[in-house]
Amino acid sequence: RTPLVEAQIADQARTHGISEDEVVTKIMLTPVAVK
């Protein structure tokens, strides 16, 4: 949870055309077991 990651969430949302919440749940946390 850093400013870099927060900016990345916004970038990913624009790139994939999805919401920022979806970036966290569907992209960032998908490969990890600890959600």
PDB file of all heavy atoms in Angstrom:
ATOM      1  N   ARG A   1       0.845  -1.193   0.000  1.00  0.00           N
ATOM      2  CA  ARG A   1       0.000   0.000   0.000  1.00  0.00           C
ATOM      3  C   ARG A   1       0.887   1.252   0.000  1.00  0.00           C
ATOM      4  O   ARG A   1       1.217   1.813   1.046  1.00  0.00           O
ATOM      5  CB  ARG A   1      -0.914   0.001   1.222  1.00  0.00           C
ATOM      6  CG  ARG A   1      -2.071   0.994   1.129  1.00  0.00           C
ATOM      7  CD  ARG A   1      -2.865   1.038   2.432  1.00  0.00           C
ATOM      8  NE  ARG A   1      -3.313  -0.267   2.856  1.00  0.00           N
ATOM      9  CZ  ARG A   1      -4.412  -0.874   2.405  1.00  0.00           C
ATOM     10  NH1 ARG A   1      -5.152  -0.278   1.482  1.00  0.00           N
ATOM     11  NH2 ARG A   1      -4.755  -2.059   2.860  1.00  0.00           N
ATOM     12  N   THR A   2       1.290   1.692  -1.195  1.00  0.00           N
ATOM     13  CA  THR A   2       2.175   2.840  -1.368  1.00  0.00           C
ATOM     14  C   THR A   2       1.599   3.773  -2.424  1.00  0.00           C
ATOM     15  O   THR A   2       0.737   3.375  -3.218  1.00  0.00           O
ATOM     16  CB  THR A   2       3.572   2.394  -1.829  1.00  0.00           C
ATOM     17  OG1 THR A   2       3.456   1.807  -3.142  1.00  0.00           O
ATOM     18  CG2 THR A   2       4.184   1.388  -0.865  1.00  0.00           C
ATOM     19  N   PRO A   3       2.092   5.015  -2.502  1.00  0.00           N
ATOM     20  CA  PRO A   3       1.649   5.917  -3.574  1.00  0.00           C
ATOM     21  C   PRO A   3       1.916   5.345  -4.964  1.00  0.00           C
ATOM     22  O   PRO A   3       1.125   5.558  -5.889  1.00  0.00           O
ATOM     23  CB  PRO A   3       2.476   7.185  -3.313  1.00  0.00           C
ATOM     24  CG  PRO A   3       2.712   7.176  -1.839  1.00  0.00           C
ATOM     25  CD  PRO A   3       2.913   5.726  -1.485  1.00  0.00           C
ATOM     26  N   LEU A   4       3.034   4.598  -5.136  1.00  0.00           N
ATOM     27  CA  LEU A   4       3.330   4.005  -6.435  1.00  0.00           C
ATOM     28  C   LEU A   4       2.239   3.021  -6.838  1.00  0.00           C
ATOM     29  O   LEU A   4       1.787   2.999  -7.983  1.00  0.00           O
ATOM     30  CB  LEU A   4       4.693   3.312  -6.400  1.00  0.00           C
ATOM     31  CG  LEU A   4       5.213   2.719  -7.721  1.00  0.00           C
ATOM     32  CD1 LEU A   4       6.743   2.808  -7.777  1.00  0.00           C
ATOM     33  CD2 LEU A   4       4.791   1.267  -7.897  1.00  0.00           C
ATOM     34  N   VAL A   5       1.806   2.190  -5.902  1.00  0.00           N
ATOM     35  CA  VAL A   5       0.766   1.204  -6.198  1.00  0.00           C
ATOM     36  C   VAL A   5      -0.568   1.894  -6.442  1.00  0.00           C
ATOM     37  O   VAL A   5      -1.324   1.502  -7.346  1.00  0.00           O
ATOM     38  CB  VAL A   5       0.666   0.167  -5.062  1.00  0.00           C
ATOM     39  CG1 VAL A   5      -0.620  -0.660  -5.181  1.00  0.00           C
ATOM     40  CG2 VAL A   5       1.879  -0.762  -5.097  1.00  0.00           C
ATOM     41  N   GLU A   6      -0.859   2.928  -5.678  1.00  0.00           N
ATOM     42  CA  GLU A   6      -2.106   3.649  -5.894  1.00  0.00           C
ATOM     43  C   GLU A   6      -2.155   4.261  -7.291  1.00  0.00           C
ATOM     44  O   GLU A   6      -3.194   4.235  -7.963  1.00  0.00           O
ATOM     45  CB  GLU A   6      -2.266   4.727  -4.818  1.00  0.00           C
ATOM     46  CG  GLU A   6      -2.537   4.145  -3.432  1.00  0.00           C
ATOM     47  CD  GLU A   6      -2.416   5.175  -2.322  1.00  0.00           C
ATOM     48  OE1 GLU A   6      -2.070   6.337  -2.636  1.00  0.00           O
ATOM     49  OE2 GLU A   6      -2.663   4.825  -1.160  1.00  0.00           O
ATOM     50  N   ALA A   7      -1.004   4.792  -7.746  1.00  0.00           N
ATOM     51  CA  ALA A   7      -0.948   5.331  -9.114  1.00  0.00           C
ATOM     52  C   ALA A   7      -1.076   4.218 -10.140  1.00  0.00           C
ATOM     53  O   ALA A   7      -1.705   4.392 -11.202  1.00  0.00           O
ATOM     54  CB  ALA A   7       0.361   6.086  -9.320  1.00  0.00           C
ATOM     55  N   GLN A   8      -0.489   3.064  -9.827  1.00  0.00           N
ATOM     56  CA  GLN A   8      -0.561   1.938 -10.739  1.00  0.00           C
ATOM     57  C   GLN A   8      -1.998   1.433 -10.881  1.00  0.00           C
ATOM     58  O   GLN A   8      -2.412   1.008 -11.971  1.00  0.00           O
ATOM     59  CB  GLN A   8       0.333   0.810 -10.230  1.00  0.00           C
ATOM     60  CG  GLN A   8       0.430  -0.375 -11.174  1.00  0.00           C
ATOM     61  CD  GLN A   8       1.362  -1.449 -10.639  1.00  0.00           C
ATOM     62  OE1 GLN A   8       2.175  -1.189  -9.774  1.00  0.00           O
ATOM     63  NE2 GLN A   8       1.212  -2.642 -11.149  1.00  0.00           N
ATOM     64  N   ILE A   9      -2.740   1.455  -9.793  1.00  0.00           N
ATOM     65  CA  ILE A   9      -4.142   1.041  -9.853  1.00  0.00           C
ATOM     66  C   ILE A   9      -4.893   1.899 -10.871  1.00  0.00           C
ATOM     67  O   ILE A   9      -5.650   1.395 -11.705  1.00  0.00           O
ATOM     68  CB  ILE A   9      -4.793   1.135  -8.458  1.00  0.00           C
ATOM     69  CG1 ILE A   9      -4.200   0.068  -7.526  1.00  0.00           C
ATOM     70  CG2 ILE A   9      -6.310   0.974  -8.557  1.00  0.00           C
ATOM     71  CD1 ILE A   9      -4.593   0.235  -6.073  1.00  0.00           C
ATOM     72  N   ALA A  10      -4.645   3.199 -10.819  1.00  0.00           N
ATOM     73  CA  ALA A  10      -5.308   4.104 -11.763  1.00  0.00           C
ATOM     74  C   ALA A  10      -4.863   3.819 -13.197  1.00  0.00           C
ATOM     75  O   ALA A  10      -5.688   3.804 -14.128  1.00  0.00           O
ATOM     76  CB  ALA A  10      -5.011   5.550 -11.387  1.00  0.00           C
ATOM     77  N   ASP A  11      -3.544   3.585 -13.398  1.00  0.00           N
ATOM     78  CA  ASP A  11      -3.042   3.274 -14.737  1.00  0.00           C
ATOM     79  C   ASP A  11      -3.663   1.989 -15.290  1.00  0.00           C
ATOM     80  O   ASP A  11      -4.052   1.911 -16.452  1.00  0.00           O
ATOM     81  CB  ASP A  11      -1.516   3.122 -14.714  1.00  0.00           C
ATOM     82  CG  ASP A  11      -0.802   4.457 -14.660  1.00  0.00           C
ATOM     83  OD1 ASP A  11      -1.451   5.493 -14.907  1.00  0.00           O
ATOM     84  OD2 ASP A  11       0.409   4.466 -14.378  1.00  0.00           O
ATOM     85  N   GLN A  12      -3.718   0.967 -14.444  1.00  0.00           N
ATOM     86  CA  GLN A  12      -4.281  -0.318 -14.871  1.00  0.00           C
ATOM     87  C   GLN A  12      -5.764  -0.176 -15.208  1.00  0.00           C
ATOM     88  O   GLN A  12      -6.253  -0.801 -16.162  1.00  0.00           O
ATOM     89  CB  GLN A  12      -4.097  -1.360 -13.757  1.00  0.00           C
ATOM     90  CG  GLN A  12      -2.664  -1.806 -13.543  1.00  0.00           C
ATOM     91  CD  GLN A  12      -2.279  -2.994 -14.413  1.00  0.00           C
ATOM     92  OE1 GLN A  12      -2.874  -3.233 -15.459  1.00  0.00           O
ATOM     93  NE2 GLN A  12      -1.278  -3.720 -13.979  1.00  0.00           N
ATOM     94  N   ALA A  13      -6.471   0.627 -14.432  1.00  0.00           N
ATOM     95  CA  ALA A  13      -7.893   0.837 -14.707  1.00  0.00           C
ATOM     96  C   ALA A  13      -8.088   1.448 -16.084  1.00  0.00           C
ATOM     97  O   ALA A  13      -8.970   1.027 -16.853  1.00  0.00           O
ATOM     98  CB  ALA A  13      -8.510   1.726 -13.624  1.00  0.00           C
ATOM     99  N   ARG A  14      -7.231   2.436 -16.423  1.00  0.00           N
ATOM    100  CA  ARG A  14      -7.330   3.046 -17.747  1.00  0.00           C
ATOM    101  C   ARG A  14      -6.949   2.053 -18.847  1.00  0.00           C
ATOM    102  O   ARG A  14      -7.605   1.986 -19.883  1.00  0.00           O
ATOM    103  CB  ARG A  14      -6.423   4.280 -17.820  1.00  0.00           C
ATOM    104  CG  ARG A  14      -6.948   5.480 -17.050  1.00  0.00           C
ATOM    105  CD  ARG A  14      -6.142   6.731 -17.377  1.00  0.00           C
ATOM    106  NE  ARG A  14      -4.770   6.628 -16.891  1.00  0.00           N
ATOM    107  CZ  ARG A  14      -4.388   7.005 -15.674  1.00  0.00           C
ATOM    108  NH1 ARG A  14      -5.282   7.503 -14.827  1.00  0.00           N
ATOM    109  NH2 ARG A  14      -3.133   6.896 -15.303  1.00  0.00           N
ATOM    110  N   THR A  15      -5.870   1.293 -18.626  1.00  0.00           N
ATOM    111  CA  THR A  15      -5.393   0.350 -19.639  1.00  0.00           C
ATOM    112  C   THR A  15      -6.421  -0.737 -19.929  1.00  0.00           C
ATOM    113  O   THR A  15      -6.651  -1.105 -21.090  1.00  0.00           O
ATOM    114  CB  THR A  15      -4.061  -0.299 -19.187  1.00  0.00           C
ATOM    115  OG1 THR A  15      -3.079   0.719 -19.047  1.00  0.00           O
ATOM    116  CG2 THR A  15      -3.573  -1.336 -20.205  1.00  0.00           C
ATOM    117  N   HIS A  16      -7.065  -1.248 -18.890  1.00  0.00           N
ATOM    118  CA  HIS A  16      -7.979  -2.381 -19.043  1.00  0.00           C
ATOM    119  C   HIS A  16      -9.440  -1.961 -19.178  1.00  0.00           C
ATOM    120  O   HIS A  16     -10.294  -2.806 -19.466  1.00  0.00           O
ATOM    121  CB  HIS A  16      -7.841  -3.339 -17.858  1.00  0.00           C
ATOM    122  CG  HIS A  16      -6.490  -3.985 -17.754  1.00  0.00           C
ATOM    123  ND1 HIS A  16      -6.071  -4.993 -18.586  1.00  0.00           N
ATOM    124  CD2 HIS A  16      -5.453  -3.752 -16.918  1.00  0.00           C
ATOM    125  CE1 HIS A  16      -4.845  -5.373 -18.261  1.00  0.00           C
ATOM    126  NE2 HIS A  16      -4.446  -4.620 -17.259  1.00  0.00           N
ATOM    127  N   GLY A  17      -9.714  -0.681 -18.951  1.00  0.00           N
ATOM    128  CA  GLY A  17     -11.091  -0.212 -19.054  1.00  0.00           C
ATOM    129  C   GLY A  17     -11.993  -0.765 -17.967  1.00  0.00           C
ATOM    130  O   GLY A  17     -13.171  -1.065 -18.221  1.00  0.00           O
ATOM    131  N   ILE A  18     -11.462  -0.895 -16.746  1.00  0.00           N
ATOM    132  CA  ILE A  18     -12.239  -1.390 -15.615  1.00  0.00           C
ATOM    133  C   ILE A  18     -12.098  -0.421 -14.443  1.00  0.00           C
ATOM    134  O   ILE A  18     -11.305   0.515 -14.500  1.00  0.00           O
ATOM    135  CB  ILE A  18     -11.793  -2.811 -15.190  1.00  0.00           C
ATOM    136  CG1 ILE A  18     -10.304  -2.820 -14.801  1.00  0.00           C
ATOM    137  CG2 ILE A  18     -12.053  -3.813 -16.313  1.00  0.00           C
ATOM    138  CD1 ILE A  18      -9.803  -4.175 -14.314  1.00  0.00           C
ATOM    139  N   SER A  19     -12.859  -0.671 -13.385  1.00  0.00           N
ATOM    140  CA  SER A  19     -12.792   0.221 -12.230  1.00  0.00           C
ATOM    141  C   SER A  19     -11.534  -0.058 -11.410  1.00  0.00           C
ATOM    142  O   SER A  19     -10.916  -1.122 -11.524  1.00  0.00           O
ATOM    143  CB  SER A  19     -14.026   0.023 -11.343  1.00  0.00           C
ATOM    144  OG  SER A  19     -13.949  -1.227 -10.667  1.00  0.00           O
ATOM    145  N   GLU A  20     -11.183   0.891 -10.550  1.00  0.00           N
ATOM    146  CA  GLU A  20      -9.998   0.718  -9.704  1.00  0.00           C
ATOM    147  C   GLU A  20     -10.189  -0.428  -8.707  1.00  0.00           C
ATOM    148  O   GLU A  20      -9.249  -1.158  -8.404  1.00  0.00           O
ATOM    149  CB  GLU A  20      -9.662   2.029  -8.996  1.00  0.00           C
ATOM    150  CG  GLU A  20      -9.203   3.111  -9.968  1.00  0.00           C
ATOM    151  CD  GLU A  20      -8.669   4.349  -9.280  1.00  0.00           C
ATOM    152  OE1 GLU A  20      -8.548   4.338  -8.036  1.00  0.00           O
ATOM    153  OE2 GLU A  20      -8.371   5.331  -9.984  1.00  0.00           O
ATOM    154  N   ASP A  21     -11.412  -0.586  -8.182  1.00  0.00           N
ATOM    155  CA  ASP A  21     -11.667  -1.714  -7.274  1.00  0.00           C
ATOM    156  C   ASP A  21     -11.452  -3.039  -7.991  1.00  0.00           C
ATOM    157  O   ASP A  21     -10.913  -4.001  -7.410  1.00  0.00           O
ATOM    158  CB  ASP A  21     -13.099  -1.647  -6.738  1.00  0.00           C
ATOM    159  CG  ASP A  21     -13.269  -0.566  -5.682  1.00  0.00           C
ATOM    160  OD1 ASP A  21     -12.239  -0.085  -5.154  1.00  0.00           O
ATOM    161  OD2 ASP A  21     -14.425  -0.199  -5.393  1.00  0.00           O
ATOM    162  N   GLU A  22     -11.856  -3.112  -9.245  1.00  0.00           N
ATOM    163  CA  GLU A  22     -11.671  -4.345 -10.011  1.00  0.00           C
ATOM    164  C   GLU A  22     -10.191  -4.618 -10.283  1.00  0.00           C
ATOM    165  O   GLU A  22      -9.771  -5.779 -10.345  1.00  0.00           O
ATOM    166  CB  GLU A  22     -12.449  -4.269 -11.327  1.00  0.00           C
ATOM    167  CG  GLU A  22     -13.952  -4.387 -11.179  1.00  0.00           C
ATOM    168  CD  GLU A  22     -14.668  -4.215 -12.513  1.00  0.00           C
ATOM    169  OE1 GLU A  22     -14.497  -3.147 -13.140  1.00  0.00           O
ATOM    170  OE2 GLU A  22     -15.382  -5.147 -12.923  1.00  0.00           O
ATOM    171  N   VAL A  23      -9.401  -3.553 -10.441  1.00  0.00           N
ATOM    172  CA  VAL A  23      -7.956  -3.737 -10.629  1.00  0.00           C
ATOM    173  C   VAL A  23      -7.373  -4.465  -9.421  1.00  0.00           C
ATOM    174  O   VAL A  23      -6.591  -5.410  -9.552  1.00  0.00           O
ATOM    175  CB  VAL A  23      -7.249  -2.381 -10.829  1.00  0.00           C
ATOM    176  CG1 VAL A  23      -5.731  -2.558 -10.753  1.00  0.00           C
ATOM    177  CG2 VAL A  23      -7.635  -1.773 -12.165  1.00  0.00           C
ATOM    178  N   VAL A  24      -7.749  -4.022  -8.223  1.00  0.00           N
ATOM    179  CA  VAL A  24      -7.209  -4.637  -7.003  1.00  0.00           C
ATOM    180  C   VAL A  24      -7.657  -6.082  -6.892  1.00  0.00           C
ATOM    181  O   VAL A  24      -6.840  -6.991  -6.668  1.00  0.00           O
ATOM    182  CB  VAL A  24      -7.638  -3.844  -5.757  1.00  0.00           C
ATOM    183  CG1 VAL A  24      -7.190  -4.562  -4.481  1.00  0.00           C
ATOM    184  CG2 VAL A  24      -7.038  -2.439  -5.801  1.00  0.00           C
ATOM    185  N   THR A  25      -8.946  -6.335  -7.051  1.00  0.00           N
ATOM    186  CA  THR A  25      -9.463  -7.686  -6.796  1.00  0.00           C
ATOM    187  C   THR A  25      -9.219  -8.656  -7.948  1.00  0.00           C
ATOM    188  O   THR A  25      -8.933  -9.831  -7.714  1.00  0.00           O
ATOM    189  CB  THR A  25     -10.972  -7.630  -6.504  1.00  0.00           C
ATOM    190  OG1 THR A  25     -11.659  -7.030  -7.620  1.00  0.00           O
ATOM    191  CG2 THR A  25     -11.237  -6.808  -5.255  1.00  0.00           C
ATOM    192  N   LYS A  26      -9.292  -8.162  -9.198  1.00  0.00           N
ATOM    193  CA  LYS A  26      -9.217  -9.067 -10.342  1.00  0.00           C
ATOM    194  C   LYS A  26      -7.829  -9.178 -10.956  1.00  0.00           C
ATOM    195  O   LYS A  26      -7.550 -10.133 -11.694  1.00  0.00           O
ATOM    196  CB  LYS A  26     -10.211  -8.627 -11.422  1.00  0.00           C
ATOM    197  CG  LYS A  26     -11.664  -8.759 -10.995  1.00  0.00           C
ATOM    198  CD  LYS A  26     -12.608  -8.388 -12.140  1.00  0.00           C
ATOM    199  CE  LYS A  26     -14.071  -8.569 -11.723  1.00  0.00           C
ATOM    200  NZ  LYS A  26     -15.015  -8.207 -12.824  1.00  0.00           N
ATOM    201  N   ILE A  27      -6.951  -8.193 -10.680  1.00  0.00           N
ATOM    202  CA  ILE A  27      -5.607  -8.228 -11.271  1.00  0.00           C
ATOM    203  C   ILE A  27      -4.551  -8.364 -10.182  1.00  0.00           C
ATOM    204  O   ILE A  27      -3.796  -9.337 -10.144  1.00  0.00           O
ATOM    205  CB  ILE A  27      -5.349  -6.973 -12.126  1.00  0.00           C
ATOM    206  CG1 ILE A  27      -6.319  -6.926 -13.314  1.00  0.00           C
ATOM    207  CG2 ILE A  27      -3.904  -6.955 -12.630  1.00  0.00           C
ATOM    208  CD1 ILE A  27      -6.194  -5.680 -14.161  1.00  0.00           C
ATOM    209  N   MET A  28      -4.501  -7.420  -9.255  1.00  0.00           N
ATOM    210  CA  MET A  28      -3.412  -7.407  -8.274  1.00  0.00           C
ATOM    211  C   MET A  28      -3.462  -8.587  -7.316  1.00  0.00           C
ATOM    212  O   MET A  28      -2.437  -9.199  -7.006  1.00  0.00           O
ATOM    213  CB  MET A  28      -3.427  -6.097  -7.494  1.00  0.00           C
ATOM    214  CG  MET A  28      -3.001  -4.899  -8.327  1.00  0.00           C
ATOM    215  SD  MET A  28      -2.911  -3.388  -7.355  1.00  0.00           S
ATOM    216  CE  MET A  28      -2.058  -2.319  -8.521  1.00  0.00           C
ATOM    217  N   LEU A  29      -4.646  -8.912  -6.820  1.00  0.00           N
ATOM    218  CA  LEU A  29      -4.742  -9.951  -5.805  1.00  0.00           C
ATOM    219  C   LEU A  29      -5.021 -11.342  -6.373  1.00  0.00           C
ATOM    220  O   LEU A  29      -5.025 -12.313  -5.620  1.00  0.00           O
ATOM    221  CB  LEU A  29      -5.822  -9.580  -4.777  1.00  0.00           C
ATOM    222  CG  LEU A  29      -5.561  -8.306  -3.973  1.00  0.00           C
ATOM    223  CD1 LEU A  29      -6.659  -8.087  -2.934  1.00  0.00           C
ATOM    224  CD2 LEU A  29      -4.194  -8.338  -3.292  1.00  0.00           C
ATOM    225  N   THR A  30      -5.200 -11.444  -7.668  1.00  0.00           N
ATOM    226  CA  THR A  30      -5.471 -12.756  -8.263  1.00  0.00           C
ATOM    227  C   THR A  30      -4.349 -13.760  -8.031  1.00  0.00           C
ATOM    228  O   THR A  30      -4.612 -14.907  -7.660  1.00  0.00           O
ATOM    229  CB  THR A  30      -5.758 -12.619  -9.767  1.00  0.00           C
ATOM    230  OG1 THR A  30      -6.990 -11.921  -9.937  1.00  0.00           O
ATOM    231  CG2 THR A  30      -5.864 -13.981 -10.446  1.00  0.00           C
ATOM    232  N   PRO A  31      -3.052 -13.389  -8.222  1.00  0.00           N
ATOM    233  CA  PRO A  31      -2.011 -14.411  -8.079  1.00  0.00           C
ATOM    234  C   PRO A  31      -1.600 -14.719  -6.645  1.00  0.00           C
ATOM    235  O   PRO A  31      -0.816 -15.639  -6.414  1.00  0.00           O
ATOM    236  CB  PRO A  31      -0.826 -13.804  -8.842  1.00  0.00           C
ATOM    237  CG  PRO A  31      -1.011 -12.332  -8.711  1.00  0.00           C
ATOM    238  CD  PRO A  31      -2.500 -12.118  -8.714  1.00  0.00           C
ATOM    239  N   VAL A  32      -2.100 -13.957  -5.661  1.00  0.00           N
ATOM    240  CA  VAL A  32      -1.655 -14.158  -4.282  1.00  0.00           C
ATOM    241  C   VAL A  32      -2.690 -14.947  -3.505  1.00  0.00           C
ATOM    242  O   VAL A  32      -3.896 -14.896  -3.784  1.00  0.00           O
ATOM    243  CB  VAL A  32      -1.353 -12.818  -3.575  1.00  0.00           C
ATOM    244  CG1 VAL A  32      -0.333 -12.023  -4.357  1.00  0.00           C
ATOM    245  CG2 VAL A  32      -2.611 -12.006  -3.333  1.00  0.00           C
ATOM    246  N   ALA A  33      -2.198 -15.704  -2.501  1.00  0.00           N
ATOM    247  CA  ALA A  33      -3.102 -16.478  -1.649  1.00  0.00           C
ATOM    248  C   ALA A  33      -3.654 -15.623  -0.517  1.00  0.00           C
ATOM    249  O   ALA A  33      -4.790 -15.799  -0.086  1.00  0.00           O
ATOM    250  CB  ALA A  33      -2.367 -17.694  -1.094  1.00  0.00           C
ATOM    251  N   VAL A  34      -2.827 -14.687  -0.014  1.00  0.00           N
ATOM    252  CA  VAL A  34      -3.263 -13.786   1.056  1.00  0.00           C
ATOM    253  C   VAL A  34      -3.894 -12.561   0.394  1.00  0.00           C
ATOM    254  O   VAL A  34      -3.197 -11.723  -0.182  1.00  0.00           O
ATOM    255  CB  VAL A  34      -2.075 -13.376   1.947  1.00  0.00           C
ATOM    256  CG1 VAL A  34      -2.536 -12.440   3.058  1.00  0.00           C
ATOM    257  CG2 VAL A  34      -1.405 -14.612   2.545  1.00  0.00           C
ATOM    258  N   LYS A  35      -5.183 -12.454   0.471  1.00  0.00           N
ATOM    259  CA  LYS A  35      -5.928 -11.483  -0.335  1.00  0.00           C
ATOM    260  C   LYS A  35      -6.003 -10.107   0.319  1.00  0.00           C
ATOM    261  O   LYS A  35      -7.054  -9.628   0.748  1.00  0.00           O
ATOM    262  CB  LYS A  35      -7.336 -12.007  -0.606  1.00  0.00           C
ATOM    263  CG  LYS A  35      -7.391 -13.311  -1.368  1.00  0.00           C
ATOM    264  CD  LYS A  35      -6.839 -13.179  -2.780  1.00  0.00           C
ATOM    265  CE  LYS A  35      -7.004 -14.466  -3.577  1.00  0.00           C
ATOM    266  NZ  LYS A  35      -6.414 -14.354  -4.937  1.00  0.00           N
TER     267      LYS A  35
END
